Structures are given as structure tokens and as C-alpha cells.
């Protein structure tokens, strides 16, 4: 487990870009990489998602898919083909099972980032990389905890 102290949105995005680049440099697994984000409203999950997508080489702007639940984008690197950005804030695990989350997670060319992942905890594999966001002491300070070393 490792902890990162961010002092701004830009710092959170930079940390996320670095994490995405680390993950992209690793040997492919047998299934999709799942990055599960948890934390309070306004704690930095979407800023992290933007930086993470940038680190993967995703084209275009990243918006939180709160009302559509999931967005898919192509990835410009050799390890992954598609990036799935999921927002589980307004949904249940049953909604995502109907959307085919298990099938998406089976493909090792996919990388899945889930905001509000704690709502899907029952259906996520143990291999998911969990990242917790907390508000720090300062207005823009965030404490980011990653559950495993990468």
C-alpha cells in the first residue's frame, strides 16, 4: 500500500498519468486491468480519471459518465485497445452486469477505471487496483491511497 499527498487538481492528474504509464509498462495479464476509485464527493476521482486517461494516450476530453454510466475510448499504446470509464454513483451492480461488465473485464486489451467503485465491490475481482481519495487539511489537498505496489 502506498499513499500520495496531492496539493492540487493538477498534481492529482500528474500522479494519475504516472500510474497509468506504470500500468502500461507492465506485462499484460489474462484479464482487463481494473482501477477502482473510492472516496467522497469532490475528493478527486474525476481529476484522477482525466490524468489516468491522458497517461494511457486516450484521445479527447474525459468527462465523468454519471448519467450514461459508461464511456468507451480507444487507447494509443501497445498493451491496451480500449479504455472504459465507468461512474457507478447512480447505478447498481445489476445495471453493470446488464451492460456486460464481466465480458469487458475478460478482455486483457481493456483497461477499466471505475468511479464510485465501492458500489460495485461485490462484482469486482480481487485483482482490482483500489485507490481511495480523502480530503486533506488544505482546501485543495487530497490524500490518495493505492492498495498495492505497481
Foldseek 3Di string as FASTA:
>chain_A
DDKDKDQALVRLLQVLLVVLLVVLPDDFDQWAAEAEEDEDPPQRLQSSVQSNLVSQQWDDGDDQPQPVFWDKTAGPDDFAGIEIEGECPPHALVVVVVVPPVVNGRDSNYYYYYYNCVRNVVPDDPNHWYWYWDDDDDPRMIMIDIPDDD
